[in-house]
């Protein structure tokens, strides 16, 4: 399971790949005891630098037990996106979230196999 980040390149008006980040097993998410009983994958506030120098911090938690997913993306100390839900299928690339950063870059974030 990976996070796929893309950005909208203004000149070509196309989506360009920014990075792919593999989700890794998390044993005790936020010190909640239930997380040890489930298969939980994620990343914890990984910094990602955009072409304009802007840095986003990405936090994702995904449960393989019920396909529950939480995506949180911050710029400095401001939350830009916080989305929670359930993936339809583990192999699907959802949710797909598109947003604009404080400096005007379009970013697409999706999680899939």
N, C-alpha and C. Protein backbone atom coordinates (compact mmCIF):
# COMPACT_ATOMS: atom_id res chain seq x y z
N UNK A 1 0.85 -1.17 0.00
CA UNK A 1 0.00 0.00 0.00
C UNK A 1 0.90 1.24 0.00
N UNK A 2 0.60 2.18 -0.90
CA UNK A 2 1.43 3.38 -1.03
C UNK A 2 0.57 4.64 -1.09
N UNK A 3 1.20 5.74 -0.69
CA UNK A 3 0.66 7.07 -0.93
C UNK A 3 1.28 7.56 -2.24
N UNK A 4 0.44 8.08 -3.12
CA UNK A 4 0.89 8.66 -4.38
C UNK A 4 0.57 10.15 -4.35
N UNK A 5 1.60 10.97 -4.46
CA UNK A 5 1.41 12.42 -4.50
C UNK A 5 1.79 12.93 -5.89
N UNK A 6 0.93 13.77 -6.44
CA UNK A 6 1.19 14.41 -7.72
C UNK A 6 0.92 15.90 -7.56
N UNK A 7 1.50 16.69 -8.44
CA UNK A 7 1.22 18.13 -8.44
C UNK A 7 0.86 18.56 -9.85
N UNK A 8 0.09 19.62 -9.94
CA UNK A 8 -0.31 20.15 -11.23
C UNK A 8 0.76 21.09 -11.75
N UNK A 9 1.37 20.71 -12.87
CA UNK A 9 2.40 21.56 -13.47
C UNK A 9 1.70 22.60 -14.35
N UNK A 10 1.94 23.84 -14.03
CA UNK A 10 1.22 24.94 -14.68
C UNK A 10 1.52 25.03 -16.18
N UNK A 11 2.78 24.90 -16.58
CA UNK A 11 3.14 25.06 -17.99
C UNK A 11 2.51 24.00 -18.89
N UNK A 12 2.58 22.74 -18.47
CA UNK A 12 2.06 21.65 -19.31
C UNK A 12 0.58 21.36 -19.02
N UNK A 13 0.06 21.90 -17.92
CA UNK A 13 -1.31 21.62 -17.48
C UNK A 13 -1.54 20.11 -17.30
N UNK A 14 -0.50 19.42 -16.83
CA UNK A 14 -0.55 17.98 -16.59
C UNK A 14 -0.20 17.68 -15.14
N UNK A 15 -0.65 16.52 -14.66
CA UNK A 15 -0.23 16.05 -13.34
C UNK A 15 1.15 15.44 -13.46
N UNK A 16 2.04 15.80 -12.57
CA UNK A 16 3.40 15.25 -12.53
C UNK A 16 3.59 14.51 -11.21
N UNK A 17 4.24 13.36 -11.27
CA UNK A 17 4.49 12.58 -10.07
C UNK A 17 5.45 13.32 -9.14
N UNK A 18 5.07 13.42 -7.89
CA UNK A 18 5.91 14.06 -6.89
C UNK A 18 6.66 12.99 -6.10
N UNK A 19 5.92 11.99 -5.60
CA UNK A 19 6.57 10.90 -4.87
C UNK A 19 5.58 9.76 -4.63
N UNK A 20 6.13 8.61 -4.30
CA UNK A 20 5.38 7.44 -3.83
C UNK A 20 6.01 7.06 -2.50
N UNK A 21 5.17 6.91 -1.48
CA UNK A 21 5.68 6.56 -0.15
C UNK A 21 4.97 5.29 0.32
N UNK A 22 5.76 4.27 0.61
CA UNK A 22 5.23 2.99 1.09
C UNK A 22 4.71 3.15 2.52
N UNK A 23 3.48 2.69 2.78
CA UNK A 23 2.95 2.68 4.14
C UNK A 23 3.57 1.50 4.88
N UNK A 24 3.98 1.73 6.11
CA UNK A 24 4.67 0.71 6.91
C UNK A 24 3.80 0.32 8.10
N UNK A 25 4.01 -0.88 8.67
CA UNK A 25 3.22 -1.29 9.83
C UNK A 25 3.39 -0.33 11.01
N UNK A 26 2.28 0.03 11.61
CA UNK A 26 2.26 0.84 12.83
C UNK A 26 1.72 -0.04 13.95
N UNK A 27 2.47 -0.15 15.03
CA UNK A 27 2.05 -1.05 16.11
C UNK A 27 1.14 -0.40 17.13
N UNK A 28 1.36 0.85 17.44
CA UNK A 28 0.57 1.48 18.49
C UNK A 28 0.23 2.91 18.09
N UNK A 29 -0.71 3.05 17.19
CA UNK A 29 -1.07 4.35 16.65
C UNK A 29 -1.68 5.22 17.74
N UNK A 30 -1.06 6.38 17.98
CA UNK A 30 -1.56 7.35 18.97
C UNK A 30 -1.82 6.73 20.33
N UNK A 31 -1.08 5.70 20.67
CA UNK A 31 -1.18 5.02 21.97
C UNK A 31 -2.55 4.40 22.22
N UNK A 32 -3.29 4.11 21.14
CA UNK A 32 -4.59 3.46 21.30
C UNK A 32 -4.38 1.95 21.33
N UNK A 33 -4.84 1.26 22.38
CA UNK A 33 -4.57 -0.18 22.50
C UNK A 33 -5.14 -1.02 21.37
N UNK A 34 -6.28 -0.61 20.75
CA UNK A 34 -6.89 -1.45 19.71
C UNK A 34 -5.99 -1.58 18.49
N UNK A 35 -5.10 -0.65 18.29
CA UNK A 35 -4.26 -0.67 17.09
C UNK A 35 -3.35 -1.89 17.05
N UNK A 36 -2.97 -2.42 18.21
CA UNK A 36 -2.10 -3.59 18.23
C UNK A 36 -2.83 -4.84 17.77
N UNK A 37 -4.16 -4.85 17.89
CA UNK A 37 -4.94 -6.03 17.51
C UNK A 37 -5.25 -6.03 16.01
N UNK A 38 -5.10 -4.90 15.35
CA UNK A 38 -5.41 -4.79 13.94
C UNK A 38 -4.12 -4.69 13.13
N UNK A 39 -4.27 -4.93 11.85
CA UNK A 39 -3.16 -4.70 10.94
C UNK A 39 -3.25 -3.25 10.48
N UNK A 40 -2.42 -2.41 11.04
CA UNK A 40 -2.47 -0.98 10.75
C UNK A 40 -1.18 -0.56 10.05
N UNK A 41 -1.35 0.12 8.91
CA UNK A 41 -0.23 0.64 8.13
C UNK A 41 -0.29 2.16 8.16
N UNK A 42 0.84 2.80 7.91
CA UNK A 42 0.79 4.25 7.85
C UNK A 42 2.14 4.89 7.72
N UNK A 43 2.09 6.21 7.71
CA UNK A 43 3.28 7.05 7.80
C UNK A 43 2.94 8.17 8.77
N UNK A 44 3.93 8.65 9.46
CA UNK A 44 3.69 9.65 10.50
C UNK A 44 4.43 10.94 10.18
N UNK A 45 3.70 11.92 9.67
CA UNK A 45 4.20 13.26 9.37
C UNK A 45 5.52 13.25 8.60
N UNK A 46 5.48 12.63 7.44
CA UNK A 46 6.63 12.59 6.54
C UNK A 46 6.67 13.89 5.74
N UNK A 47 7.81 14.59 5.75
CA UNK A 47 7.91 15.84 4.98
C UNK A 47 8.09 15.57 3.48
N UNK A 48 7.35 16.34 2.67
CA UNK A 48 7.45 16.24 1.21
C UNK A 48 7.65 17.65 0.67
N UNK A 49 8.71 17.84 -0.11
CA UNK A 49 9.02 19.17 -0.67
C UNK A 49 8.44 19.28 -2.08
N UNK A 50 7.68 20.36 -2.30
CA UNK A 50 7.10 20.64 -3.61
C UNK A 50 8.11 21.38 -4.48
N UNK A 51 7.91 21.42 -5.80
CA UNK A 51 8.86 22.09 -6.69
C UNK A 51 9.08 23.57 -6.36
N UNK A 52 8.11 24.23 -5.73
CA UNK A 52 8.28 25.65 -5.37
C UNK A 52 8.95 25.84 -4.01
N UNK A 53 9.42 24.74 -3.39
CA UNK A 53 10.10 24.80 -2.10
C UNK A 53 9.19 24.63 -0.91
N UNK A 54 7.89 24.67 -1.13
CA UNK A 54 6.92 24.49 -0.05
C UNK A 54 7.03 23.06 0.50
N UNK A 55 6.90 22.91 1.81
CA UNK A 55 7.01 21.59 2.44
C UNK A 55 5.66 21.22 3.05
N UNK A 56 5.18 20.01 2.70
CA UNK A 56 3.97 19.46 3.28
C UNK A 56 4.37 18.32 4.20
N UNK A 57 3.65 18.14 5.30
CA UNK A 57 3.85 17.00 6.19
C UNK A 57 2.63 16.10 6.08
N UNK A 58 2.88 14.82 5.78
CA UNK A 58 1.80 13.88 5.48
C UNK A 58 1.71 12.82 6.56
N UNK A 59 0.49 12.60 7.05
CA UNK A 59 0.22 11.60 8.07
C UNK A 59 -0.94 10.72 7.58
N UNK A 60 -0.70 9.40 7.50
CA UNK A 60 -1.74 8.48 7.01
C UNK A 60 -1.80 7.27 7.92
N UNK A 61 -3.02 6.85 8.20
CA UNK A 61 -3.26 5.60 8.93
C UNK A 61 -4.26 4.77 8.14
N UNK A 62 -3.95 3.50 7.91
CA UNK A 62 -4.82 2.61 7.15
C UNK A 62 -4.96 1.28 7.88
N UNK A 63 -6.19 0.84 8.09
CA UNK A 63 -6.46 -0.44 8.74
C UNK A 63 -6.85 -1.47 7.70
N UNK A 64 -6.08 -2.56 7.61
CA UNK A 64 -6.43 -3.62 6.66
C UNK A 64 -7.63 -4.43 7.14
N UNK A 65 -7.97 -4.33 8.41
CA UNK A 65 -9.11 -5.07 8.96
C UNK A 65 -10.43 -4.58 8.38
N UNK A 66 -10.62 -3.26 8.33
CA UNK A 66 -11.89 -2.72 7.85
C UNK A 66 -11.73 -1.73 6.70
N UNK A 67 -10.50 -1.58 6.19
CA UNK A 67 -10.15 -0.67 5.11
C UNK A 67 -10.42 0.80 5.47
N UNK A 68 -10.42 1.09 6.77
CA UNK A 68 -10.56 2.47 7.24
C UNK A 68 -9.28 3.24 6.98
N UNK A 69 -9.44 4.50 6.53
CA UNK A 69 -8.26 5.30 6.19
C UNK A 69 -8.43 6.72 6.70
N UNK A 70 -7.31 7.28 7.13
CA UNK A 70 -7.26 8.67 7.58
C UNK A 70 -6.07 9.33 6.93
N UNK A 71 -6.30 10.48 6.28
CA UNK A 71 -5.24 11.24 5.62
C UNK A 71 -5.24 12.64 6.21
N UNK A 72 -4.07 13.08 6.65
CA UNK A 72 -3.91 14.43 7.18
C UNK A 72 -2.66 15.04 6.55
N UNK A 73 -2.83 16.22 5.97
CA UNK A 73 -1.72 16.91 5.32
C UNK A 73 -1.63 18.32 5.88
N UNK A 74 -0.42 18.68 6.33
CA UNK A 74 -0.19 19.98 6.94
C UNK A 74 0.83 20.78 6.15
N UNK A 75 0.68 22.10 6.22
CA UNK A 75 1.67 23.03 5.73
C UNK A 75 2.06 23.90 6.92
N UNK A 76 3.31 23.80 7.32
CA UNK A 76 3.76 24.43 8.57
C UNK A 76 2.91 23.87 9.70
N UNK A 77 2.19 24.70 10.44
CA UNK A 77 1.35 24.19 11.53
C UNK A 77 -0.13 24.20 11.18
N UNK A 78 -0.46 24.37 9.91
CA UNK A 78 -1.85 24.47 9.48
C UNK A 78 -2.29 23.20 8.77
N UNK A 79 -3.40 22.63 9.21
CA UNK A 79 -3.96 21.46 8.54
C UNK A 79 -4.62 21.91 7.24
N UNK A 80 -4.16 21.35 6.12
CA UNK A 80 -4.76 21.66 4.82
C UNK A 80 -5.88 20.69 4.50
N UNK A 81 -5.66 19.43 4.82
CA UNK A 81 -6.61 18.36 4.52
C UNK A 81 -6.65 17.39 5.68
N UNK A 82 -7.87 17.02 6.08
CA UNK A 82 -8.04 15.93 7.03
C UNK A 82 -9.27 15.16 6.57
N UNK A 83 -9.02 13.95 6.05
CA UNK A 83 -10.07 13.14 5.46
C UNK A 83 -10.05 11.76 6.11
N UNK A 84 -11.21 11.27 6.46
CA UNK A 84 -11.34 9.91 6.97
C UNK A 84 -12.43 9.20 6.21
N UNK A 85 -12.30 7.90 6.08
CA UNK A 85 -13.32 7.14 5.38
C UNK A 85 -12.90 5.69 5.25
N UNK A 86 -13.48 5.03 4.26
CA UNK A 86 -13.21 3.62 4.02
C UNK A 86 -12.96 3.40 2.54
N UNK A 87 -11.90 2.64 2.24
CA UNK A 87 -11.62 2.29 0.85
C UNK A 87 -12.63 1.24 0.39
N UNK A 88 -13.09 1.35 -0.87
CA UNK A 88 -14.03 0.35 -1.41
C UNK A 88 -13.38 -1.02 -1.50
N UNK A 89 -12.17 -1.04 -2.05
CA UNK A 89 -11.38 -2.25 -2.15
C UNK A 89 -9.95 -1.91 -1.77
N UNK A 90 -9.24 -2.89 -1.25
CA UNK A 90 -7.86 -2.61 -0.84
C UNK A 90 -6.99 -2.20 -2.02
N UNK A 91 -7.27 -2.73 -3.20
CA UNK A 91 -6.42 -2.44 -4.36
C UNK A 91 -6.82 -1.14 -5.08
N UNK A 92 -7.94 -0.54 -4.72
CA UNK A 92 -8.37 0.68 -5.40
C UNK A 92 -7.54 1.88 -4.95
N UNK A 93 -7.56 2.92 -5.76
CA UNK A 93 -6.79 4.13 -5.48
C UNK A 93 -7.73 5.22 -4.97
N UNK A 94 -8.29 4.97 -3.82
CA UNK A 94 -9.20 5.94 -3.21
C UNK A 94 -8.89 6.03 -1.72
N UNK A 95 -9.21 7.10 -1.07
CA UNK A 95 -9.78 8.30 -1.69
C UNK A 95 -8.71 9.05 -2.48
N UNK A 96 -9.16 9.87 -3.42
CA UNK A 96 -8.28 10.77 -4.15
C UNK A 96 -8.67 12.17 -3.73
N UNK A 97 -7.75 12.88 -3.12
CA UNK A 97 -8.01 14.23 -2.61
C UNK A 97 -7.18 15.21 -3.41
N UNK A 98 -7.83 16.25 -3.94
CA UNK A 98 -7.13 17.30 -4.67
C UNK A 98 -7.34 18.60 -3.92
N UNK A 99 -6.24 19.33 -3.69
CA UNK A 99 -6.32 20.58 -2.94
C UNK A 99 -5.27 21.55 -3.44
N UNK A 100 -5.38 22.81 -2.99
CA UNK A 100 -4.42 23.85 -3.35
C UNK A 100 -3.64 24.22 -2.10
N UNK A 101 -2.32 24.27 -2.23
CA UNK A 101 -1.47 24.64 -1.10
C UNK A 101 -1.54 26.16 -0.87
N UNK A 102 -1.06 26.63 0.27
CA UNK A 102 -1.06 28.08 0.53
C UNK A 102 -0.32 28.90 -0.54
N UNK A 103 0.67 28.29 -1.22
CA UNK A 103 1.41 29.01 -2.27
C UNK A 103 0.88 28.73 -3.67
N UNK A 104 -0.31 28.11 -3.76
CA UNK A 104 -0.99 27.98 -5.05
C UNK A 104 -0.67 26.78 -5.90
N UNK A 105 -0.07 25.73 -5.34
CA UNK A 105 0.22 24.50 -6.09
C UNK A 105 -0.94 23.53 -5.91
N UNK A 106 -1.45 22.99 -7.02
CA UNK A 106 -2.47 21.95 -6.96
C UNK A 106 -1.78 20.62 -6.63
N UNK A 107 -2.31 19.90 -5.65
CA UNK A 107 -1.73 18.62 -5.23
C UNK A 107 -2.82 17.57 -5.21
N UNK A 108 -2.49 16.38 -5.69
CA UNK A 108 -3.38 15.22 -5.63
C UNK A 108 -2.74 14.18 -4.74
N UNK A 109 -3.52 13.65 -3.79
CA UNK A 109 -3.04 12.60 -2.89
C UNK A 109 -3.99 11.41 -2.99
N UNK A 110 -3.44 10.23 -3.22
CA UNK A 110 -4.27 9.02 -3.23
C UNK A 110 -3.48 7.86 -2.65
N UNK A 111 -4.21 6.90 -2.13
CA UNK A 111 -3.60 5.72 -1.50
C UNK A 111 -4.10 4.49 -2.23
N UNK A 112 -3.16 3.62 -2.64
CA UNK A 112 -3.55 2.41 -3.34
C UNK A 112 -2.46 1.36 -3.29
N UNK A 113 -2.82 0.20 -3.82
CA UNK A 113 -1.88 -0.92 -3.80
C UNK A 113 -0.93 -0.87 -4.97
